[in-house]
C-alpha atoms as a PDB file:
ATOM      1  CA  MET A   1     149.953 166.885 152.093  1.00  0.00           C
ATOM      2  CA  SER A   2     151.502 163.444 152.012  1.00  0.00           C
ATOM      3  CA  GLU A   3     148.045 161.958 152.547  1.00  0.00           C
ATOM      4  CA  THR A   4     146.698 163.549 149.368  1.00  0.00           C
ATOM      5  CA  THR A   5     149.699 162.364 147.392  1.00  0.00           C
ATOM      6  CA  GLU A   6     149.214 158.824 148.642  1.00  0.00           C
ATOM      7  CA  ALA A   7     145.493 158.960 147.895  1.00  0.00           C
ATOM      8  CA  SER A   8     146.077 160.189 144.364  1.00  0.00           C
ATOM      9  CA  ALA A   9     148.728 157.471 143.795  1.00  0.00           C
ATOM     10  CA  GLU A  10     146.292 154.807 144.966  1.00  0.00           C
ATOM     11  CA  ALA A  11     143.590 156.194 142.679  1.00  0.00           C
ATOM     12  CA  THR A  12     146.007 156.149 139.734  1.00  0.00           C
ATOM     13  CA  GLU A  13     146.983 152.535 140.418  1.00  0.00           C
ATOM     14  CA  GLU A  14     143.326 151.554 140.700  1.00  0.00           C
ATOM     15  CA  THR A  15     142.506 153.279 137.411  1.00  0.00           C
ATOM     16  CA  THR A  16     145.474 151.644 135.665  1.00  0.00           C
ATOM     17  CA  SER A  17     144.537 148.148 136.860  1.00  0.00           C
ATOM     18  CA  SER A  18     140.896 148.589 135.824  1.00  0.00           C
ATOM     19  CA  GLU A  19     142.030 149.839 132.390  1.00  0.00           C
ATOM     20  CA  ALA A  20     144.301 146.807 132.009  1.00  0.00           C
ATOM     21  CA  THR A  21     141.417 144.477 132.852  1.00  0.00           C
ATOM     22  CA  LYS A  22     139.158 146.353 130.447  1.00  0.00           C
ATOM     23  CA  ALA A  23     141.803 146.140 127.668  1.00  0.00           C
ATOM     24  CA  GLU A  24     142.158 142.403 128.254  1.00  0.00           C
ATOM     25  CA  THR A  25     138.388 141.939 128.089  1.00  0.00           C
ATOM     26  CA  ASP A  26     138.283 144.038 124.921  1.00  0.00           C
ATOM     27  CA  TRP A  27     141.008 141.866 123.429  1.00  0.00           C
ATOM     28  CA  LYS A  28     138.957 138.741 123.965  1.00  0.00           C
ATOM     29  CA  ALA A  29     135.899 140.415 122.475  1.00  0.00           C
ATOM     30  CA  GLU A  30     137.937 141.505 119.466  1.00  0.00           C
ATOM     31  CA  ALA A  31     139.268 137.968 119.002  1.00  0.00           C
ATOM     32  CA  ARG A  32     135.733 136.571 119.049  1.00  0.00           C
ATOM     33  CA  LYS A  33     134.579 139.220 116.601  1.00  0.00           C
ATOM     34  CA  TRP A  34     137.395 138.423 114.131  1.00  0.00           C
ATOM     35  CA  GLU A  35     136.793 134.707 114.490  1.00  0.00           C
ATOM     36  CA  GLN A  36     133.129 135.222 113.611  1.00  0.00           C
ATOM     37  CA  ARG A  37     134.105 137.320 110.582  1.00  0.00           C
ATOM     38  CA  ALA A  38     136.513 134.626 109.415  1.00  0.00           C
ATOM     39  CA  LYS A  39     133.744 132.021 109.598  1.00  0.00           C
ATOM     40  CA  GLU A  40     131.436 134.291 107.615  1.00  0.00           C
ATOM     41  CA  ASN A  41     134.174 134.854 105.032  1.00  0.00           C
ATOM     42  CA  THR A  42     134.691 131.112 104.673  1.00  0.00           C
ATOM     43  CA  LYS A  43     131.014 130.638 103.962  1.00  0.00           C
ATOM     44  CA  ALA A  44     131.097 133.504 101.474  1.00  0.00           C
ATOM     45  CA  ALA A  45     134.122 132.007  99.725  1.00  0.00           C
ATOM     46  CA  GLU A  46     132.350 128.661  99.381  1.00  0.00           C
ATOM     47  CA  LYS A  47     129.288 130.389  97.901  1.00  0.00           C
ATOM     48  CA  LEU A  48     131.514 132.317  95.484  1.00  0.00           C
ATOM     49  CA  ALA A  49     133.168 129.082  94.333  1.00  0.00           C
ATOM     50  CA  GLU A  50     129.757 127.535  93.710  1.00  0.00           C
ATOM     51  CA  ILE A  51     128.644 130.574  91.701  1.00  0.00           C
ATOM     52  CA  GLU A  52     131.846 130.566  89.651  1.00  0.00           C
ATOM     53  CA  GLU A  53     131.420 126.853  88.931  1.00  0.00           C
ATOM     54  CA  ALA A  54     127.855 127.435  87.786  1.00  0.00           C
ATOM     55  CA  ASN A  55     128.951 130.313  85.544  1.00  0.00           C
ATOM     56  CA  LYS A  56     131.671 128.342  83.759  1.00  0.00           C
ATOM     57  CA  THR A  57     130.983 127.661  80.166  1.00  0.00           C
ATOM     58  CA  GLU A  58     130.610 124.159  78.890  1.00  0.00           C
ATOM     59  CA  LEU A  59     133.904 124.600  77.030  1.00  0.00           C
ATOM     60  CA  GLN A  60     135.776 125.388  80.251  1.00  0.00           C
ATOM     61  CA  LYS A  61     134.321 122.325  81.956  1.00  0.00           C
ATOM     62  CA  VAL A  62     135.338 120.097  79.031  1.00  0.00           C
ATOM     63  CA  GLN A  63     138.838 121.607  79.013  1.00  0.00           C
ATOM     64  CA  GLU A  64     139.268 120.896  82.734  1.00  0.00           C
ATOM     65  CA  ARG A  65     138.096 117.299  82.296  1.00  0.00           C
ATOM     66  CA  ALA A  66     140.482 116.853  79.335  1.00  0.00           C
ATOM     67  CA  ALA A  67     143.412 118.227  81.349  1.00  0.00           C
ATOM     68  CA  ALA A  68     142.585 115.872  84.230  1.00  0.00           C
ATOM     69  CA  ALA A  69     142.371 112.919  81.828  1.00  0.00           C
ATOM     70  CA  GLU A  70     145.740 113.823  80.296  1.00  0.00           C
ATOM     71  CA  ARG A  71     147.315 113.977  83.768  1.00  0.00           C
ATOM     72  CA  ARG A  72     145.927 110.544  84.627  1.00  0.00           C
ATOM     73  CA  ALA A  73     147.138 109.117  81.307  1.00  0.00           C
ATOM     74  CA  ALA A  74     150.647 110.503  81.847  1.00  0.00           C
ATOM     75  CA  GLU A  75     150.729 109.050  85.364  1.00  0.00           C
ATOM     76  CA  ALA A  76     149.579 105.661  84.046  1.00  0.00           C
ATOM     77  CA  GLU A  77     152.249 105.661  81.313  1.00  0.00           C
ATOM     78  CA  LEU A  78     154.928 106.546  83.852  1.00  0.00           C
ATOM     79  CA  GLN A  79     153.738 103.775  86.173  1.00  0.00           C
ATOM     80  CA  ALA A  80     153.779 101.270  83.291  1.00  0.00           C
ATOM     81  CA  LEU A  81     157.319 102.339  82.396  1.00  0.00           C
ATOM     82  CA  ARG A  82     158.463 101.952  86.010  1.00  0.00           C
ATOM     83  CA  THR A  83     156.832  98.504  86.147  1.00  0.00           C
ATOM     84  CA  ARG A  84     158.571  97.396  82.945  1.00  0.00           C
ATOM     85  CA  VAL A  85     162.001  98.632  84.092  1.00  0.00           C
ATOM     86  CA  ALA A  86     161.487  97.000  87.506  1.00  0.00           C
ATOM     87  CA  ALA A  87     160.690  93.681  85.857  1.00  0.00           C
ATOM     88  CA  GLU A  88     163.659  93.892  83.485  1.00  0.00           C
ATOM     89  CA  THR A  89     166.210  94.874  86.143  1.00  0.00           C
ATOM     90  CA  ASN A  90     164.768  92.948  89.102  1.00  0.00           C
ATOM     91  CA  VAL A  91     164.703  96.140  91.183  1.00  0.00           C
ATOM     92  CA  PRO A  92     161.724  96.949  93.445  1.00  0.00           C
ATOM     93  CA  ILE A  93     159.389  99.434  91.780  1.00  0.00           C
ATOM     94  CA  GLU A  94     159.185 101.523  94.963  1.00  0.00           C
ATOM     95  CA  VAL A  95     162.793 102.700  94.607  1.00  0.00           C
ATOM     96  CA  LEU A  96     162.530 103.694  90.945  1.00  0.00           C
ATOM     97  CA  HIS A  97     161.954 107.372  90.297  1.00  0.00           C
ATOM     98  CA  GLY A  98     162.206 109.738  87.378  1.00  0.00           C
ATOM     99  CA  THR A  99     160.042 111.268  84.692  1.00  0.00           C
ATOM    100  CA  ASP A 100     161.409 109.485  81.644  1.00  0.00           C
ATOM    101  CA  GLU A 101     162.875 106.105  80.743  1.00  0.00           C
ATOM    102  CA  ALA A 102     166.503 107.250  80.916  1.00  0.00           C
ATOM    103  CA  ALA A 103     166.103 108.629  84.438  1.00  0.00           C
ATOM    104  CA  ILE A 104     164.264 105.520  85.629  1.00  0.00           C
ATOM    105  CA  ARG A 105     166.903 103.213  84.145  1.00  0.00           C
ATOM    106  CA  ALA A 106     169.670 105.322  85.735  1.00  0.00           C
ATOM    107  CA  ALA A 107     167.951 104.989  89.118  1.00  0.00           C
ATOM    108  CA  ALA A 108     167.672 101.223  88.619  1.00  0.00           C
ATOM    109  CA  GLN A 109     171.369 101.015  87.716  1.00  0.00           C
ATOM    110  CA  LYS A 110     172.325 102.913  90.888  1.00  0.00           C
ATOM    111  CA  VAL A 111     170.258 100.518  92.984  1.00  0.00           C
ATOM    112  CA  ILE A 112     171.881  97.525  91.289  1.00  0.00           C
ATOM    113  CA  GLU A 113     175.366  98.955  91.909  1.00  0.00           C
ATOM    114  CA  TRP A 114     174.510  99.604  95.556  1.00  0.00           C
ATOM    115  CA  ARG A 115     173.071  96.109  95.961  1.00  0.00           C
ATOM    116  CA  ASP A 116     176.079  94.438  94.340  1.00  0.00           C
ATOM    117  CA  ALA A 117     178.620  96.520  96.249  1.00  0.00           C
ATOM    118  CA  GLY A 118     177.686  94.704  99.470  1.00  0.00           C
ATOM    119  CA  LYS A 119     178.116  91.232  97.992  1.00  0.00           C
ATOM    120  CA  LYS A 120     181.310  89.297  98.422  1.00  0.00           C
ATOM    121  CA  PRO A 121     182.743  87.914  95.225  1.00  0.00           C
ATOM    122  CA  ALA A 122     181.968  84.261  94.662  1.00  0.00           C
ATOM    123  CA  PRO A 123     184.821  82.011  95.798  1.00  0.00           C
ATOM    124  CA  LYS A 124     186.755  80.301  93.057  1.00  0.00           C
ATOM    125  CA  PRO A 125     186.003  76.600  92.933  1.00  0.00           C
ATOM    126  CA  LYS A 126     188.908  74.403  93.944  1.00  0.00           C
ATOM    127  CA  THR A 127     189.942  71.901  91.358  1.00  0.00           C
ATOM    128  CA  LEU A 128     190.355  68.331  92.503  1.00  0.00           C
ATOM    129  CA  LYS A 129     192.512  65.709  90.977  1.00  0.00           C
ATOM    130  CA  SER A 130     190.959  62.495  89.866  1.00  0.00           C
ATOM    131  CA  GLY A 131     190.141  60.197  92.771  1.00  0.00           C
ATOM    132  CA  SER A 132     190.758  62.773  95.496  1.00  0.00           C
ATOM    133  CA  SER A 133     188.210  64.482  97.667  1.00  0.00           C
ATOM    134  CA  SER A 134     188.153  67.865  99.243  1.00  0.00           C
ATOM    135  CA  SER A 135     188.501  68.021 103.004  1.00  0.00           C
ATOM    136  CA  GLU A 136     185.787  70.709 103.001  1.00  0.00           C
ATOM    137  CA  ASP A 137     183.256  68.145 101.766  1.00  0.00           C
ATOM    138  CA  MET A 138     183.963  65.833 104.718  1.00  0.00           C
ATOM    139  CA  ASP A 139     182.659  66.093 108.235  1.00  0.00           C
ATOM    140  CA  GLY A 140     184.936  65.812 111.269  1.00  0.00           C
ATOM    141  CA  LYS A 141     184.978  61.990 111.496  1.00  0.00           C
ATOM    142  CA  GLU A 142     185.694  61.553 107.809  1.00  0.00           C
ATOM    143  CA  ARG A 143     188.589  64.034 107.970  1.00  0.00           C
ATOM    144  CA  ALA A 144     190.044  62.211 110.984  1.00  0.00           C
ATOM    145  CA  ALA A 145     189.787  58.849 109.204  1.00  0.00           C
ATOM    146  CA  HIS A 146     191.332  60.346 106.068  1.00  0.00           C
ATOM    147  CA  ALA A 147     194.220  61.792 108.123  1.00  0.00           C
ATOM    148  CA  LEU A 148     194.844  58.404 109.810  1.00  0.00           C
ATOM    149  CA  ARG A 149     194.923  56.635 106.439  1.00  0.00           C
ATOM    150  CA  GLN A 150     197.454  59.170 105.156  1.00  0.00           C
ATOM    151  CA  LEU A 151     199.624  58.642 108.215  1.00  0.00           C
ATOM    152  CA  ARG A 152     199.538  54.880 107.807  1.00  0.00           C
ATOM    153  CA  GLY A 153     200.250  55.228 104.142  1.00  0.00           C
ATOM    154  CA  SER A 154     197.129  53.574 102.872  1.00  0.00           C
ATOM    155  CA  ALA A 155     195.434  56.641 101.503  1.00  0.00           C
END
């Protein structure tokens, strides 16, 4: 009795493993089938686009060309505005953004503020009295000679 149970268990395992292999093979076949359908659909979509383009009226074609021309004109005007603001403010055109003059000028102002924030303020010039010289203008030997003259009293 135990031999028949073992034999039936082995047969069940064998059937299950062959079904799993068959399901895996079917999966690959299904994937290939769907891939082929997708390629066919792509070709059909391209043909449909060509047919729709051919069926457009002359008015639709002119309207599309006019819309494209208006987009290019708007882009050119915006680029010209950015160029003008860049030249006036001495800010690189690449960092200017915005869709109108106020936004572009605000961006330029922010860049200028950022640029100037890193600069140290210019030192105040020292005033010299008539006939004297600044020790900063002298090199080491001249400062030493000047110090010796002051010590001797003949400065």
